[in-house]
Amino acid sequence: MNNLKKEKKQFISDFKVGSIADTIFVVSKKQIRKKKNNEDYCIVTLQDKEGSIEGVIWTEVFRNSDDFSEGDFVLVKGDIRQYRSSMQLVINSISKIENKEDIEYSDFIRATKKNIDGMFSEIKSYIDSIKNSYLKELLDLYFKDKKFVEDFKNATAAVRYHHAYRGGLLEHTLVVTKICNMLTGVYDNLNRDLLISGAILHDIGKIREYKTGVTIKVSDEGKLLGHITIGYGWILEKIKKIKGFPRDLSERLLHIILSHHGQKEFGSPRRPKFLEAFIVYHVDHMDADIGGYNIILEESKDGEDWSGFAKNFERSIYLKKLKLINENEENTDNKINKTDENNLNQNKKILNQPDKQDELF
């Protein structure tokens, strides 16, 4: 494409059914499919900083479009329509942007809305509170490494379903750590140092599992091993550098890493077998669900009571806000009841009067 002003005119949050799209996206996913008559068409996932939307390029448009790949910036024109309870962009034209010099990358990269440095300082405060010298030294091997810190701050927690954006891993890790710390004040038979260390380290393998750029991709290492195995090996490697690290402590911490998905079918080689491992698993699962719900909520439009089918929950999600009565105002139900009572009394008066129609006959 030549002489294109690379301005992001619209964002996904601007769209509703019936909108006309005419703006730039980055392609995060591309799939070529076949119709029953064997003709090709294309399904794409288009992304900007506000979220993502599925687009369909039907056969004739697809045949006459520029060749493009995942990760490319494209100028798209089309119509927003309803498809299976979700919005879909029916693409009328799509053109690859060859010259990216004028692209404002921040318009397309999804990032946490929270302060990254502030969240990292909170993580550091939890590390500083660890009293066990072996666990403290292990955490310092990571969090005093500038390259690790940079990668950790920028990493995602997932490709799609929860905290799937720059800074998402940090955000998720901090919440899991906060909740685990809170639970040490509820249950008095927890080893706080082990629990907090497990919470902070449980997902560090995701730094190497995912490649976080304009779009999020799974690395070769991630596809072959997964973040649980990567994290286990990485932590074991660091533990071996610490002289005299107790074997029982090492095995317990590594068990937390191996079991934090809870079930083998969810990727955990081991199921949780002691209290701190149970807690990291349940808190991790809970925050992932809440993060997934919040992504669905952000990508849904105002006024929608239900989401489309959410694969991570295997159901539609109820989005309608609960409207609570303001305590400083008269109870709305009472107002309704009074109105109903007045109407009933009025109706009784009418029923007790002779029908004027009857008087005529």
Protein backbone atom coordinates (compact mmCIF):
# COMPACT_ATOMS: atom_id res chain seq x y z
CA MET A 1 0.00 0.00 0.00
CA ASN A 2 1.26 3.44 -0.83
CA ASN A 3 0.49 6.93 0.53
CA LEU A 4 -1.58 5.55 3.39
CA LYS A 5 -1.97 7.76 6.42
CA LYS A 6 -1.51 5.18 9.18
CA GLU A 7 -3.98 6.67 11.64
CA LYS A 8 -6.03 4.53 13.98
CA LYS A 9 -9.49 6.03 13.43
CA GLN A 10 -11.61 3.55 15.36
CA PHE A 11 -11.11 1.10 18.20
CA ILE A 12 -12.97 -2.11 18.92
CA SER A 13 -14.67 -0.46 21.89
CA ASP A 14 -16.34 1.94 19.41
CA PHE A 15 -18.14 -0.83 17.52
CA LYS A 16 -21.69 -2.06 17.87
CA VAL A 17 -23.91 -4.10 15.57
CA GLY A 18 -24.63 -1.96 12.51
CA SER A 19 -21.36 0.00 12.70
CA ILE A 20 -19.15 0.55 9.65
CA ALA A 21 -15.49 -0.31 10.23
CA ASP A 22 -12.77 1.59 8.40
CA THR A 23 -9.55 1.42 10.35
CA ILE A 24 -6.24 -0.37 10.99
CA PHE A 25 -5.87 -3.59 13.00
CA VAL A 26 -3.14 -6.09 13.67
CA VAL A 27 -3.91 -9.68 12.65
CA SER A 28 -3.51 -11.94 15.69
CA LYS A 29 -4.94 -15.07 14.06
CA LYS A 30 -5.66 -16.24 10.51
CA GLN A 31 -7.41 -19.42 9.39
CA ILE A 32 -8.24 -20.42 5.82
CA ARG A 33 -11.34 -22.59 5.65
CA LYS A 34 -13.36 -24.33 2.95
CA LYS A 35 -17.00 -23.99 2.01
CA LYS A 36 -19.02 -27.05 1.08
CA ASN A 37 -18.26 -26.29 -2.59
CA ASN A 38 -14.53 -26.39 -1.73
CA GLU A 39 -14.03 -22.62 -2.18
CA ASP A 40 -11.67 -20.89 0.26
CA TYR A 41 -12.71 -18.22 2.70
CA CYS A 42 -10.83 -16.76 5.67
CA ILE A 43 -11.50 -16.23 9.36
CA VAL A 44 -9.29 -13.68 11.12
CA THR A 45 -8.95 -12.33 14.63
CA LEU A 46 -8.24 -8.60 14.51
CA GLN A 47 -6.76 -6.80 17.49
CA ASP A 48 -6.16 -3.34 18.88
CA LYS A 49 -5.44 -2.11 22.41
CA GLU A 50 -9.15 -2.28 23.31
CA GLY A 51 -9.58 -5.96 22.51
CA SER A 52 -10.18 -8.27 19.56
CA ILE A 53 -12.94 -9.11 17.10
CA GLU A 54 -13.52 -12.01 14.72
CA GLY A 55 -13.65 -11.11 11.03
CA VAL A 56 -14.80 -13.16 8.05
CA ILE A 57 -13.51 -12.64 4.52
CA TRP A 58 -15.78 -14.38 2.05
CA THR A 59 -14.45 -16.02 -1.09
CA GLU A 60 -14.59 -13.18 -3.63
CA VAL A 61 -13.05 -10.61 -1.28
CA PHE A 62 -10.43 -13.13 -0.12
CA ARG A 63 -9.38 -13.90 -3.70
CA ASN A 64 -8.82 -10.21 -4.45
CA SER A 65 -7.10 -9.26 -1.18
CA ASP A 66 -3.43 -8.66 -0.46
CA ASP A 67 -1.59 -11.64 0.98
CA PHE A 68 -1.16 -11.10 4.73
CA SER A 69 -0.01 -13.11 7.73
CA GLU A 70 -0.49 -13.20 11.47
CA GLY A 71 1.27 -10.20 13.01
CA ASP A 72 0.72 -7.96 9.98
CA PHE A 73 -0.99 -4.57 10.18
CA VAL A 74 -3.96 -4.29 7.84
CA LEU A 75 -6.42 -1.62 6.77
CA VAL A 76 -9.89 -3.11 7.01
CA LYS A 77 -13.27 -1.93 5.75
CA GLY A 78 -16.46 -3.80 6.54
CA ASP A 79 -19.73 -4.10 8.46
CA ILE A 80 -20.28 -5.13 12.07
CA ARG A 81 -22.99 -7.79 12.25
CA GLN A 82 -24.47 -10.14 14.83
CA TYR A 83 -23.26 -13.75 14.69
CA ARG A 84 -24.07 -16.38 17.34
CA SER A 85 -24.61 -13.81 20.13
CA SER A 86 -21.35 -12.00 19.29
CA MET A 87 -20.23 -9.26 16.95
CA GLN A 88 -18.53 -10.27 13.74
CA LEU A 89 -16.81 -8.04 11.21
CA VAL A 90 -17.80 -8.94 7.65
CA ILE A 91 -14.81 -7.66 5.68
CA ASN A 92 -15.37 -5.95 2.35
CA SER A 93 -11.71 -5.09 1.78
CA ILE A 94 -8.44 -5.78 3.57
CA SER A 95 -5.02 -4.37 2.61
CA LYS A 96 -1.65 -5.12 4.14
CA ILE A 97 0.38 -2.12 5.38
CA GLU A 98 3.92 -2.55 4.11
CA ASN A 99 5.52 0.55 5.62
CA LYS A 100 5.13 0.44 9.40
CA GLU A 101 7.26 3.47 10.29
CA ASP A 102 4.26 5.66 11.07
CA ILE A 103 2.35 3.01 13.00
CA GLU A 104 1.66 3.94 16.63
CA TYR A 105 2.31 0.53 18.20
CA SER A 106 0.68 1.46 21.50
CA ASP A 107 -2.68 1.59 19.65
CA PHE A 108 -2.46 -2.16 19.07
CA ILE A 109 -0.72 -3.64 22.11
CA ARG A 110 -3.02 -4.72 24.90
CA ALA A 111 -1.55 -3.82 28.29
CA THR A 112 -2.58 -3.85 31.93
CA LYS A 113 -4.45 -0.75 33.04
CA LYS A 114 -2.64 -0.89 36.37
CA ASN A 115 0.72 0.70 37.19
CA ILE A 116 3.46 -1.81 36.38
CA ASP A 117 6.15 -0.27 38.60
CA GLY A 118 3.68 0.04 41.47
CA MET A 119 2.67 -3.61 41.19
CA PHE A 120 6.30 -4.70 41.01
CA SER A 121 7.11 -2.72 44.17
CA GLU A 122 4.34 -4.63 45.95
CA ILE A 123 5.80 -7.95 44.80
CA LYS A 124 9.20 -6.82 46.09
CA SER A 125 7.68 -5.97 49.48
CA TYR A 126 6.40 -9.54 49.78
CA ILE A 127 9.83 -10.89 48.84
CA ASP A 128 11.45 -8.66 51.47
CA SER A 129 9.05 -10.09 54.08
CA ILE A 130 10.30 -13.67 53.55
CA LYS A 131 12.19 -14.82 56.65
CA ASN A 132 13.51 -18.17 55.42
CA SER A 133 17.02 -17.45 54.15
CA TYR A 134 16.95 -20.16 51.45
CA LEU A 135 13.65 -19.03 49.93
CA LYS A 136 14.75 -15.38 50.16
CA GLU A 137 17.99 -16.15 48.33
CA LEU A 138 16.10 -18.09 45.65
CA LEU A 139 13.68 -15.22 45.04
CA ASP A 140 16.55 -12.73 44.94
CA LEU A 141 18.28 -14.78 42.22
CA TYR A 142 15.30 -13.92 40.04
CA PHE A 143 14.17 -10.52 41.20
CA LYS A 144 17.61 -8.92 41.39
CA ASP A 145 18.32 -10.00 37.80
CA LYS A 146 17.56 -6.97 35.58
CA LYS A 147 16.78 -9.08 32.50
CA PHE A 148 14.36 -11.28 34.43
CA VAL A 149 12.66 -8.24 35.98
CA GLU A 150 12.17 -6.63 32.56
CA ASP A 151 10.76 -9.86 31.12
CA PHE A 152 8.52 -10.44 34.14
CA LYS A 153 7.06 -6.93 33.96
CA ASN A 154 6.23 -7.29 30.27
CA ALA A 155 4.99 -10.89 30.22
CA THR A 156 1.44 -12.04 29.61
CA ALA A 157 -0.38 -14.64 31.69
CA ALA A 158 -2.13 -16.20 28.69
CA VAL A 159 -2.78 -15.93 24.97
CA ARG A 160 -6.47 -15.28 25.28
CA TYR A 161 -8.51 -16.25 28.31
CA HIS A 162 -7.16 -14.35 31.33
CA HIS A 163 -4.71 -11.49 31.90
CA ALA A 164 -3.80 -11.83 28.21
CA TYR A 165 -1.87 -8.60 27.83
CA ARG A 166 1.47 -6.94 28.59
CA GLY A 167 1.86 -6.84 32.37
CA GLY A 168 -0.78 -9.54 32.78
CA LEU A 169 1.56 -12.03 34.47
CA LEU A 170 2.68 -9.43 37.01
CA GLU A 171 -0.92 -8.41 37.70
CA HIS A 172 -2.07 -12.03 38.12
CA THR A 173 0.94 -12.97 40.28
CA LEU A 174 0.40 -10.02 42.61
CA VAL A 175 -3.28 -10.85 43.15
CA VAL A 176 -2.50 -14.53 43.85
CA THR A 177 0.23 -13.45 46.30
CA LYS A 178 -2.06 -10.96 48.07
CA ILE A 179 -4.83 -13.51 48.54
CA CYS A 180 -2.41 -16.18 49.77
CA ASN A 181 -0.96 -13.69 52.23
CA MET A 182 -4.46 -12.81 53.45
CA LEU A 183 -5.22 -16.50 54.02
CA THR A 184 -2.22 -16.81 56.36
CA GLY A 185 -4.23 -14.63 58.72
CA VAL A 186 -7.22 -16.97 58.42
CA TYR A 187 -5.52 -20.37 58.76
CA ASP A 188 -2.87 -20.62 61.46
CA ASN A 189 -1.30 -23.87 60.26
CA LEU A 190 0.23 -22.46 57.07
CA ASN A 191 3.91 -21.93 56.36
CA ARG A 192 3.75 -18.32 55.16
CA ASP A 193 7.22 -18.24 53.57
CA LEU A 194 6.56 -21.37 51.52
CA LEU A 195 3.08 -20.19 50.50
CA ILE A 196 4.19 -16.70 49.43
CA SER A 197 7.23 -18.07 47.57
CA GLY A 198 5.03 -20.58 45.74
CA ALA A 199 2.54 -17.85 44.84
CA ILE A 200 5.24 -15.56 43.43
CA LEU A 201 7.00 -18.30 41.46
CA HIS A 202 4.07 -20.49 40.37
CA ASP A 203 3.76 -19.05 36.83
CA ILE A 204 7.28 -17.84 36.03
CA GLY A 205 7.53 -20.44 33.26
CA LYS A 206 5.09 -18.28 31.30
CA ILE A 207 7.88 -15.77 30.71
CA ARG A 208 9.43 -18.35 28.38
CA GLU A 209 6.21 -20.06 27.28
CA TYR A 210 4.86 -16.91 25.59
CA LYS A 211 6.38 -14.32 23.29
CA THR A 212 4.75 -10.99 24.08
CA GLY A 213 4.94 -8.43 21.28
CA VAL A 214 2.23 -6.67 19.33
CA THR A 215 0.51 -10.06 19.37
CA ILE A 216 0.98 -12.94 21.82
CA LYS A 217 2.43 -16.18 20.52
CA VAL A 218 3.43 -19.47 22.13
CA SER A 219 7.17 -20.12 21.86
CA ASP A 220 8.59 -23.41 20.61
CA GLU A 221 9.68 -24.17 24.18
CA GLY A 222 6.19 -23.39 25.37
CA LYS A 223 4.57 -25.70 22.81
CA LEU A 224 6.95 -28.53 23.62
CA LEU A 225 7.13 -28.23 27.41
CA GLY A 226 4.50 -25.83 28.78
CA HIS A 227 5.00 -23.32 31.57
CA ILE A 228 4.67 -25.81 34.43
CA THR A 229 7.55 -27.95 33.21
CA ILE A 230 9.59 -24.87 32.25
CA GLY A 231 9.04 -23.33 35.69
CA TYR A 232 9.92 -26.56 37.50
CA GLY A 233 13.21 -26.95 35.61
CA TRP A 234 14.10 -23.29 35.94
CA ILE A 235 13.53 -23.20 39.71
CA LEU A 236 15.37 -26.49 40.25
CA GLU A 237 18.33 -25.03 38.34
CA LYS A 238 18.40 -22.00 40.69
CA ILE A 239 17.97 -24.14 43.82
CA LYS A 240 21.07 -26.14 42.86
CA LYS A 241 23.07 -22.91 43.01
CA ILE A 242 22.13 -22.30 46.65
CA LYS A 243 24.42 -24.19 49.03
CA GLY A 244 22.61 -26.31 51.60
CA PHE A 245 19.08 -25.69 50.31
CA PRO A 246 16.98 -28.15 52.37
CA ARG A 247 15.69 -31.10 50.37
CA ASP A 248 12.25 -31.14 52.02
CA LEU A 249 11.79 -27.40 51.35
CA SER A 250 12.92 -27.85 47.74
CA GLU A 251 10.52 -30.74 47.13
CA ARG A 252 7.59 -28.85 48.64
CA LEU A 253 8.20 -25.71 46.59
CA LEU A 254 8.65 -27.70 43.39
CA HIS A 255 5.47 -29.65 44.17
CA ILE A 256 3.55 -26.35 44.33
CA ILE A 257 4.82 -25.54 40.82
CA LEU A 258 3.96 -28.99 39.45
CA SER A 259 0.48 -29.14 41.02
CA HIS A 260 -0.84 -25.58 40.66
CA HIS A 261 -3.27 -26.50 37.86
CA GLY A 262 -4.84 -29.04 40.16
CA GLN A 263 -5.62 -31.85 37.76
CA LYS A 264 -3.63 -33.84 35.23
CA GLU A 265 -6.15 -33.04 32.49
CA PHE A 266 -5.41 -29.34 33.09
CA GLY A 267 -1.66 -29.83 32.68
CA SER A 268 -0.47 -30.59 36.20
CA PRO A 269 1.86 -33.62 36.41
CA ARG A 270 0.88 -33.85 40.10
CA ARG A 271 -2.29 -33.07 42.07
CA PRO A 272 -1.85 -30.93 45.23
CA LYS A 273 -0.86 -33.02 48.24
CA PHE A 274 -0.35 -30.56 51.11
CA LEU A 275 -2.05 -27.42 52.36
CA GLU A 276 0.08 -24.71 50.75
CA ALA A 277 -0.18 -26.49 47.39
CA PHE A 278 -3.98 -26.72 47.74
CA ILE A 279 -4.19 -22.99 48.41
CA VAL A 280 -1.96 -21.90 45.50
CA TYR A 281 -4.01 -24.08 43.16
CA HIS A 282 -7.39 -22.76 44.30
CA VAL A 283 -6.32 -19.10 44.42
CA ASP A 284 -4.64 -19.33 41.00
CA HIS A 285 -7.77 -20.93 39.53
CA MET A 286 -10.04 -18.33 41.10
CA ASP A 287 -8.06 -15.34 39.84
CA ALA A 288 -7.80 -16.86 36.36
CA ASP A 289 -11.60 -17.23 36.29
CA ILE A 290 -12.11 -13.67 37.50
CA GLY A 291 -9.58 -12.38 34.97
CA GLY A 292 -11.35 -14.33 32.22
CA TYR A 293 -14.72 -12.95 33.29
CA ASN A 294 -13.35 -9.40 33.24
CA ILE A 295 -12.04 -9.83 29.68
CA ILE A 296 -15.49 -11.02 28.57
CA LEU A 297 -17.04 -8.06 30.37
CA GLU A 298 -14.67 -5.57 28.71
CA GLU A 299 -15.31 -6.99 25.25
CA SER A 300 -19.08 -7.03 25.67
CA LYS A 301 -21.18 -3.99 24.86
CA ASP A 302 -23.23 -1.92 27.28
CA GLY A 303 -26.74 -3.24 27.58
CA GLU A 304 -25.86 -6.88 26.86
CA ASP A 305 -27.26 -9.17 29.57
CA TRP A 306 -25.43 -12.30 28.37
CA SER A 307 -22.12 -12.97 26.68
CA GLY A 308 -21.73 -15.26 23.72
CA PHE A 309 -20.53 -18.80 24.38
CA ALA A 310 -17.28 -18.51 26.36
CA LYS A 311 -14.96 -21.44 25.62
CA ASN A 312 -12.99 -21.10 28.85
CA PHE A 313 -16.17 -21.36 30.93
CA GLU A 314 -18.04 -23.67 28.50
CA ARG A 315 -21.16 -21.54 28.92
CA SER A 316 -22.55 -18.07 28.37
CA ILE A 317 -21.88 -15.60 31.18
CA TYR A 318 -24.50 -13.39 32.84
CA LEU A 319 -23.30 -9.78 32.53
CA LYS A 320 -26.28 -7.73 33.68
CA LYS A 321 -25.38 -5.41 36.54
CA LEU A 322 -27.16 -5.76 39.85
CA LYS A 323 -29.08 -2.57 40.60
CA LEU A 324 -29.08 -1.89 44.32
CA ILE A 325 -31.41 0.55 46.09
CA ASN A 326 -29.80 3.68 47.50
CA GLU A 327 -30.34 3.63 51.26
CA ASN A 328 -30.84 7.40 51.27
CA GLU A 329 -33.78 7.14 48.92
CA GLU A 330 -37.25 5.73 49.52
CA ASN A 331 -37.41 2.04 48.72
CA THR A 332 -38.34 1.67 45.05
CA ASP A 333 -40.34 -1.47 45.80
CA ASN A 334 -42.40 0.49 48.33
CA LYS A 335 -43.06 3.15 45.71
CA ILE A 336 -44.26 0.48 43.31
CA ASN A 337 -46.42 -1.12 46.00
CA LYS A 338 -48.03 2.23 46.87
CA THR A 339 -48.78 2.88 43.21
CA ASP A 340 -50.34 -0.57 42.84
CA GLU A 341 -52.45 0.00 45.98
CA ASN A 342 -53.71 3.35 44.67
CA ASN A 343 -54.59 1.81 41.34
CA LEU A 344 -56.45 -1.04 43.04
CA ASN A 345 -58.48 1.34 45.19
CA GLN A 346 -59.35 3.40 42.14
CA ASN A 347 -60.42 0.26 40.28
CA LYS A 348 -62.64 -0.75 43.19
CA LYS A 349 -64.42 2.62 43.03
CA ILE A 350 -65.00 2.19 39.31
CA LEU A 351 -66.32 -1.36 39.75
CA ASN A 352 -68.81 -0.20 42.39
CA GLN A 353 -70.30 2.43 40.07
CA PRO A 354 -73.17 1.60 37.60
CA ASP A 355 -71.93 0.98 34.09
CA LYS A 356 -73.04 3.93 31.96
CA GLN A 357 -73.33 1.64 28.95
CA ASP A 358 -75.91 -0.40 30.86
CA GLU A 359 -77.91 2.73 31.61
CA LEU A 360 -78.39 3.35 27.89
CA PHE A 361 -80.05 0.00 27.26
